[in-house]
Amino acid sequence: MGLKEILDDISRESEELNSFTFSSAKIESENKMLQAAEEIERKREEKKDELAADIKRRRIKLTAKAELDAYRERQKLEVNLIDNVLDESFKELIKEINKNRENYLSFLKKLVSASVALIGTLPVEVSLSKDDAALFNEIAKDFKQGDLILAGSAKMSGGVICSSGGSYVDNSIENIFEKQRPAFLKMISEELA
């Protein structure tokens, strides 16, 4: 074998090696591109799933917020309705008081007697509304002279405020009504339910 044949063999083997190396590199490159494409597709699917989960969370959150807002608005409307009903009831109570003055005088006498019993110290100062001050003498007839003192008029719709020393009892119509407010609220709430 001559030098030319050896060089041809080397050249041929080199070409075969280059061809094999190029084919291997091409296959490896194609495999890497395929793996990269699969990775991109997997990440795209993950992002798609994350986005769908995020949309679902936001939808649930927005729905819950809308339901809470609607519930709060309903509660606010119910409270306003109840307040209006109570205000109207109070106005009706005052009208009823003014219709039958004899019953009202009897009611005031009972309030004063209960207040005197609670305070326990005489004399007791009695405050009445401006409109009721004229009834003081009728109320005082049920007590010994000097046991009750007209303290003047107080800013109230009716009822009495009695005091002696450091003690006082607020039996104004407003205070009595306010003390009964929880019972009224319960009754109205049950009617609305």
C-alpha atoms as a PDB file:
ATOM      1  CA  MET A   1       0.000   0.000   0.000  1.00  0.00           C
ATOM      2  CA  GLY A   2       1.349   3.288  -1.036  1.00  0.00           C
ATOM      3  CA  LEU A   3       1.320   6.688   0.495  1.00  0.00           C
ATOM      4  CA  LYS A   4      -1.484   7.802  -1.740  1.00  0.00           C
ATOM      5  CA  GLU A   5      -3.634   4.900  -0.699  1.00  0.00           C
ATOM      6  CA  ILE A   6      -2.890   5.530   2.971  1.00  0.00           C
ATOM      7  CA  LEU A   7      -3.813   9.205   2.563  1.00  0.00           C
ATOM      8  CA  ASP A   8      -7.010   8.212   0.738  1.00  0.00           C
ATOM      9  CA  ASP A   9      -7.852   5.772   3.553  1.00  0.00           C
ATOM     10  CA  ILE A  10      -7.190   8.475   6.141  1.00  0.00           C
ATOM     11  CA  SER A  11      -9.238  10.974   4.157  1.00  0.00           C
ATOM     12  CA  ARG A  12     -12.094   8.484   3.743  1.00  0.00           C
ATOM     13  CA  GLU A  13     -11.977   7.510   7.421  1.00  0.00           C
ATOM     14  CA  SER A  14     -11.861  11.214   8.337  1.00  0.00           C
ATOM     15  CA  GLU A  15     -14.917  11.877   6.147  1.00  0.00           C
ATOM     16  CA  GLU A  16     -16.735   8.919   7.656  1.00  0.00           C
ATOM     17  CA  LEU A  17     -15.791  10.109  11.139  1.00  0.00           C
ATOM     18  CA  ASN A  18     -16.879  13.656  10.270  1.00  0.00           C
ATOM     19  CA  SER A  19     -20.069  12.338   8.743  1.00  0.00           C
ATOM     20  CA  PHE A  20     -20.729  10.178  11.796  1.00  0.00           C
ATOM     21  CA  THR A  21     -19.866  13.080  14.171  1.00  0.00           C
ATOM     22  CA  PHE A  22     -22.085  15.458  12.158  1.00  0.00           C
ATOM     23  CA  SER A  23     -24.947  12.904  12.180  1.00  0.00           C
ATOM     24  CA  SER A  24     -24.501  12.349  15.915  1.00  0.00           C
ATOM     25  CA  ALA A  25     -24.384  16.107  16.556  1.00  0.00           C
ATOM     26  CA  LYS A  26     -27.445  16.586  14.349  1.00  0.00           C
ATOM     27  CA  ILE A  27     -29.348  13.835  16.209  1.00  0.00           C
ATOM     28  CA  GLU A  28     -28.227  15.252  19.561  1.00  0.00           C
ATOM     29  CA  SER A  29     -29.227  18.752  18.455  1.00  0.00           C
ATOM     30  CA  GLU A  30     -32.629  17.515  17.266  1.00  0.00           C
ATOM     31  CA  ASN A  31     -33.101  15.658  20.586  1.00  0.00           C
ATOM     32  CA  LYS A  32     -32.233  18.832  22.517  1.00  0.00           C
ATOM     33  CA  MET A  33     -34.637  20.859  20.366  1.00  0.00           C
ATOM     34  CA  LEU A  34     -37.348  18.246  20.931  1.00  0.00           C
ATOM     35  CA  GLN A  35     -36.674  18.281  24.688  1.00  0.00           C
ATOM     36  CA  ALA A  36     -36.734  22.098  24.666  1.00  0.00           C
ATOM     37  CA  ALA A  37     -40.047  22.076  22.746  1.00  0.00           C
ATOM     38  CA  GLU A  38     -41.482  19.554  25.231  1.00  0.00           C
ATOM     39  CA  GLU A  39     -40.247  21.724  28.157  1.00  0.00           C
ATOM     40  CA  ILE A  40     -41.823  24.812  26.586  1.00  0.00           C
ATOM     41  CA  GLU A  41     -45.103  22.918  26.090  1.00  0.00           C
ATOM     42  CA  ARG A  42     -45.004  21.639  29.708  1.00  0.00           C
ATOM     43  CA  LYS A  43     -44.363  25.170  31.038  1.00  0.00           C
ATOM     44  CA  ARG A  44     -47.135  26.530  28.812  1.00  0.00           C
ATOM     45  CA  GLU A  45     -49.539  23.928  30.251  1.00  0.00           C
ATOM     46  CA  GLU A  46     -48.400  24.786  33.801  1.00  0.00           C
ATOM     47  CA  LYS A  47     -48.965  28.510  33.162  1.00  0.00           C
ATOM     48  CA  LYS A  48     -52.329  27.718  31.603  1.00  0.00           C
ATOM     49  CA  ASP A  49     -53.293  25.676  34.707  1.00  0.00           C
ATOM     50  CA  GLU A  50     -51.994  28.420  37.032  1.00  0.00           C
ATOM     51  CA  LEU A  51     -53.946  31.042  35.112  1.00  0.00           C
ATOM     52  CA  ALA A  52     -57.115  28.912  35.230  1.00  0.00           C
ATOM     53  CA  ALA A  53     -56.652  28.378  38.990  1.00  0.00           C
ATOM     54  CA  ASP A  54     -56.041  32.114  39.479  1.00  0.00           C
ATOM     55  CA  ILE A  55     -59.167  32.969  37.497  1.00  0.00           C
ATOM     56  CA  LYS A  56     -61.171  30.482  39.570  1.00  0.00           C
ATOM     57  CA  ARG A  57     -59.799  31.970  42.857  1.00  0.00           C
ATOM     58  CA  ARG A  58     -60.597  35.492  41.700  1.00  0.00           C
ATOM     59  CA  ARG A  59     -64.100  34.464  40.599  1.00  0.00           C
ATOM     60  CA  ILE A  60     -64.727  32.841  43.998  1.00  0.00           C
ATOM     61  CA  LYS A  61     -63.315  35.898  45.785  1.00  0.00           C
ATOM     62  CA  LEU A  62     -65.403  38.325  43.712  1.00  0.00           C
ATOM     63  CA  THR A  63     -68.526  36.217  44.207  1.00  0.00           C
ATOM     64  CA  ALA A  64     -67.932  36.090  47.961  1.00  0.00           C
ATOM     65  CA  LYS A  65     -67.338  39.849  48.063  1.00  0.00           C
ATOM     66  CA  ALA A  66     -70.507  40.504  46.065  1.00  0.00           C
ATOM     67  CA  GLU A  67     -72.499  38.237  48.396  1.00  0.00           C
ATOM     68  CA  LEU A  68     -71.015  39.953  51.468  1.00  0.00           C
ATOM     69  CA  ASP A  69     -71.764  43.394  50.029  1.00  0.00           C
ATOM     70  CA  ALA A  70     -75.342  42.332  49.270  1.00  0.00           C
ATOM     71  CA  TYR A  71     -75.716  40.897  52.794  1.00  0.00           C
ATOM     72  CA  ARG A  72     -74.375  44.117  54.352  1.00  0.00           C
ATOM     73  CA  GLU A  73     -76.685  46.241  52.215  1.00  0.00           C
ATOM     74  CA  ARG A  74     -79.641  44.065  53.239  1.00  0.00           C
ATOM     75  CA  GLN A  75     -78.644  44.382  56.905  1.00  0.00           C
ATOM     76  CA  LYS A  76     -78.355  48.159  56.547  1.00  0.00           C
ATOM     77  CA  LEU A  77     -81.795  48.356  54.926  1.00  0.00           C
ATOM     78  CA  GLU A  78     -83.293  46.165  57.657  1.00  0.00           C
ATOM     79  CA  VAL A  79     -81.721  48.328  60.393  1.00  0.00           C
ATOM     80  CA  ASN A  80     -83.068  51.475  58.708  1.00  0.00           C
ATOM     81  CA  LEU A  81     -86.493  49.872  58.394  1.00  0.00           C
ATOM     82  CA  ILE A  82     -86.469  48.822  62.050  1.00  0.00           C
ATOM     83  CA  ASP A  83     -85.323  52.285  63.150  1.00  0.00           C
ATOM     84  CA  ASN A  84     -88.121  53.856  61.115  1.00  0.00           C
ATOM     85  CA  VAL A  85     -90.673  51.463  62.619  1.00  0.00           C
ATOM     86  CA  LEU A  86     -89.414  52.239  66.139  1.00  0.00           C
ATOM     87  CA  ASP A  87     -89.455  55.993  65.477  1.00  0.00           C
ATOM     88  CA  GLU A  88     -93.012  55.760  64.197  1.00  0.00           C
ATOM     89  CA  SER A  89     -93.984  53.598  67.176  1.00  0.00           C
ATOM     90  CA  PHE A  90     -92.552  56.193  69.548  1.00  0.00           C
ATOM     91  CA  LYS A  91     -94.513  58.956  67.814  1.00  0.00           C
ATOM     92  CA  GLU A  92     -97.678  56.848  68.082  1.00  0.00           C
ATOM     93  CA  LEU A  93     -96.978  56.275  71.783  1.00  0.00           C
ATOM     94  CA  ILE A  94     -96.715  60.023  72.374  1.00  0.00           C
ATOM     95  CA  LYS A  95     -99.981  60.562  70.466  1.00  0.00           C
ATOM     96  CA  GLU A  96    -101.709  57.916  72.609  1.00  0.00           C
ATOM     97  CA  ILE A  97    -100.385  59.523  75.788  1.00  0.00           C
ATOM     98  CA  ASN A  98    -101.820  62.859  74.757  1.00  0.00           C
ATOM     99  CA  LYS A  99    -105.225  61.341  73.915  1.00  0.00           C
ATOM    100  CA  ASN A 100    -106.108  60.091  77.379  1.00  0.00           C
ATOM    101  CA  ARG A 101    -104.719  62.450  80.005  1.00  0.00           C
ATOM    102  CA  GLU A 102    -106.386  60.623  82.942  1.00  0.00           C
ATOM    103  CA  ASN A 103    -104.624  57.353  82.111  1.00  0.00           C
ATOM    104  CA  TYR A 104    -101.415  59.276  81.555  1.00  0.00           C
ATOM    105  CA  LEU A 105    -101.723  60.989  84.956  1.00  0.00           C
ATOM    106  CA  SER A 106    -102.210  57.588  86.573  1.00  0.00           C
ATOM    107  CA  PHE A 107     -99.132  56.346  84.696  1.00  0.00           C
ATOM    108  CA  LEU A 108     -97.082  59.334  85.938  1.00  0.00           C
ATOM    109  CA  LYS A 109     -98.192  58.702  89.539  1.00  0.00           C
ATOM    110  CA  LYS A 110     -97.031  55.076  89.270  1.00  0.00           C
ATOM    111  CA  LEU A 111     -93.683  56.200  87.825  1.00  0.00           C
ATOM    112  CA  VAL A 112     -93.162  58.700  90.656  1.00  0.00           C
ATOM    113  CA  SER A 113     -94.142  56.128  93.320  1.00  0.00           C
ATOM    114  CA  ALA A 114     -91.744  53.554  91.832  1.00  0.00           C
ATOM    115  CA  SER A 115     -88.963  56.152  91.611  1.00  0.00           C
ATOM    116  CA  VAL A 116     -89.483  57.293  95.237  1.00  0.00           C
ATOM    117  CA  ALA A 117     -89.330  53.672  96.383  1.00  0.00           C
ATOM    118  CA  LEU A 118     -86.068  53.117  94.453  1.00  0.00           C
ATOM    119  CA  ILE A 119     -84.428  56.302  95.705  1.00  0.00           C
ATOM    120  CA  GLY A 120     -85.575  55.772  99.304  1.00  0.00           C
ATOM    121  CA  THR A 121     -84.694  59.297 100.484  1.00  0.00           C
ATOM    122  CA  LEU A 122     -87.161  62.149 100.840  1.00  0.00           C
ATOM    123  CA  PRO A 123     -87.789  64.783  99.655  1.00  0.00           C
ATOM    124  CA  VAL A 124     -87.624  63.808  96.008  1.00  0.00           C
ATOM    125  CA  GLU A 125     -87.265  66.380  93.247  1.00  0.00           C
ATOM    126  CA  VAL A 126     -89.511  65.633  90.279  1.00  0.00           C
ATOM    127  CA  SER A 127     -88.756  66.869  86.773  1.00  0.00           C
ATOM    128  CA  LEU A 128     -91.523  66.719  84.193  1.00  0.00           C
ATOM    129  CA  SER A 129     -91.778  67.743  80.581  1.00  0.00           C
ATOM    130  CA  LYS A 130     -92.803  71.311  79.893  1.00  0.00           C
ATOM    131  CA  ASP A 131     -96.280  70.112  78.880  1.00  0.00           C
ATOM    132  CA  ASP A 132     -96.634  67.905  81.984  1.00  0.00           C
ATOM    133  CA  ALA A 133     -95.471  70.441  84.622  1.00  0.00           C
ATOM    134  CA  ALA A 134     -99.092  71.430  85.238  1.00  0.00           C
ATOM    135  CA  LEU A 135     -99.786  67.845  86.408  1.00  0.00           C
ATOM    136  CA  PHE A 136     -97.331  68.077  89.338  1.00  0.00           C
ATOM    137  CA  ASN A 137     -99.960  69.147  91.882  1.00  0.00           C
ATOM    138  CA  GLU A 138    -102.178  66.178  90.927  1.00  0.00           C
ATOM    139  CA  ILE A 139     -99.207  63.801  91.332  1.00  0.00           C
ATOM    140  CA  ALA A 140     -98.160  65.360  94.667  1.00  0.00           C
ATOM    141  CA  LYS A 141    -101.640  64.730  96.154  1.00  0.00           C
ATOM    142  CA  ASP A 142    -100.688  61.046  96.548  1.00  0.00           C
ATOM    143  CA  PHE A 143     -97.762  61.984  98.848  1.00  0.00           C
ATOM    144  CA  LYS A 144     -97.265  63.885 102.090  1.00  0.00           C
ATOM    145  CA  GLN A 145     -96.769  67.573 101.685  1.00  0.00           C
ATOM    146  CA  GLY A 146     -93.075  68.310 101.105  1.00  0.00           C
ATOM    147  CA  ASP A 147     -92.170  64.763 100.023  1.00  0.00           C
ATOM    148  CA  LEU A 148     -92.137  65.877  96.367  1.00  0.00           C
ATOM    149  CA  ILE A 149     -90.601  69.048  95.024  1.00  0.00           C
ATOM    150  CA  LEU A 150     -91.114  70.248  91.460  1.00  0.00           C
ATOM    151  CA  ALA A 151     -87.590  70.578  90.089  1.00  0.00           C
ATOM    152  CA  GLY A 152     -88.753  72.170  86.888  1.00  0.00           C
ATOM    153  CA  SER A 153     -89.195  71.003  83.376  1.00  0.00           C
ATOM    154  CA  ALA A 154     -86.823  68.698  81.563  1.00  0.00           C
ATOM    155  CA  LYS A 155     -86.390  68.283  77.841  1.00  0.00           C
ATOM    156  CA  MET A 156     -88.340  65.068  77.307  1.00  0.00           C
ATOM    157  CA  SER A 157     -91.555  63.933  75.660  1.00  0.00           C
ATOM    158  CA  GLY A 158     -93.134  62.691  78.844  1.00  0.00           C
ATOM    159  CA  GLY A 159     -92.591  60.644  81.973  1.00  0.00           C
ATOM    160  CA  VAL A 160     -90.603  61.788  85.016  1.00  0.00           C
ATOM    161  CA  ILE A 161     -87.061  62.105  86.268  1.00  0.00           C
ATOM    162  CA  CYS A 162     -86.815  61.891  90.046  1.00  0.00           C
ATOM    163  CA  SER A 163     -83.775  62.670  92.170  1.00  0.00           C
ATOM    164  CA  SER A 164     -82.735  63.031  95.779  1.00  0.00           C
ATOM    165  CA  GLY A 165     -79.205  63.640  96.959  1.00  0.00           C
ATOM    166  CA  GLY A 166     -76.905  61.810  94.570  1.00  0.00           C
ATOM    167  CA  SER A 167     -79.520  59.332  93.351  1.00  0.00           C
ATOM    168  CA  TYR A 168     -81.866  59.685  90.451  1.00  0.00           C
ATOM    169  CA  VAL A 169     -84.235  57.570  88.432  1.00  0.00           C
ATOM    170  CA  ASP A 170     -84.864  58.390  84.787  1.00  0.00           C
ATOM    171  CA  ASN A 171     -88.386  57.290  83.950  1.00  0.00           C
ATOM    172  CA  SER A 172     -88.737  59.579  80.961  1.00  0.00           C
ATOM    173  CA  ILE A 173     -90.736  58.137  78.090  1.00  0.00           C
ATOM    174  CA  GLU A 174     -87.573  58.236  75.936  1.00  0.00           C
ATOM    175  CA  ASN A 175     -85.589  56.240  78.517  1.00  0.00           C
ATOM    176  CA  ILE A 176     -88.379  53.716  79.072  1.00  0.00           C
ATOM    177  CA  PHE A 177     -88.725  53.297  75.314  1.00  0.00           C
ATOM    178  CA  GLU A 178     -84.944  52.925  74.914  1.00  0.00           C
ATOM    179  CA  LYS A 179     -84.835  50.241  77.631  1.00  0.00           C
ATOM    180  CA  GLN A 180     -87.526  48.328  75.746  1.00  0.00           C
ATOM    181  CA  ARG A 181     -85.748  48.803  72.403  1.00  0.00           C
ATOM    182  CA  PRO A 182     -84.038  45.345  72.462  1.00  0.00           C
ATOM    183  CA  ALA A 183     -87.419  43.668  72.977  1.00  0.00           C
ATOM    184  CA  PHE A 184     -88.906  45.762  70.164  1.00  0.00           C
ATOM    185  CA  LEU A 185     -85.946  44.952  67.892  1.00  0.00           C
ATOM    186  CA  LYS A 186     -86.338  41.253  68.590  1.00  0.00           C
ATOM    187  CA  MET A 187     -90.057  41.385  67.934  1.00  0.00           C
ATOM    188  CA  ILE A 188     -89.612  43.313  64.669  1.00  0.00           C
ATOM    189  CA  SER A 189     -86.720  41.095  63.548  1.00  0.00           C
ATOM    190  CA  GLU A 190     -88.871  38.012  64.094  1.00  0.00           C
ATOM    191  CA  GLU A 191     -91.610  39.600  62.003  1.00  0.00           C
ATOM    192  CA  LEU A 192     -89.137  40.322  59.184  1.00  0.00           C
ATOM    193  CA  ALA A 193     -87.666  36.819  59.215  1.00  0.00           C
END
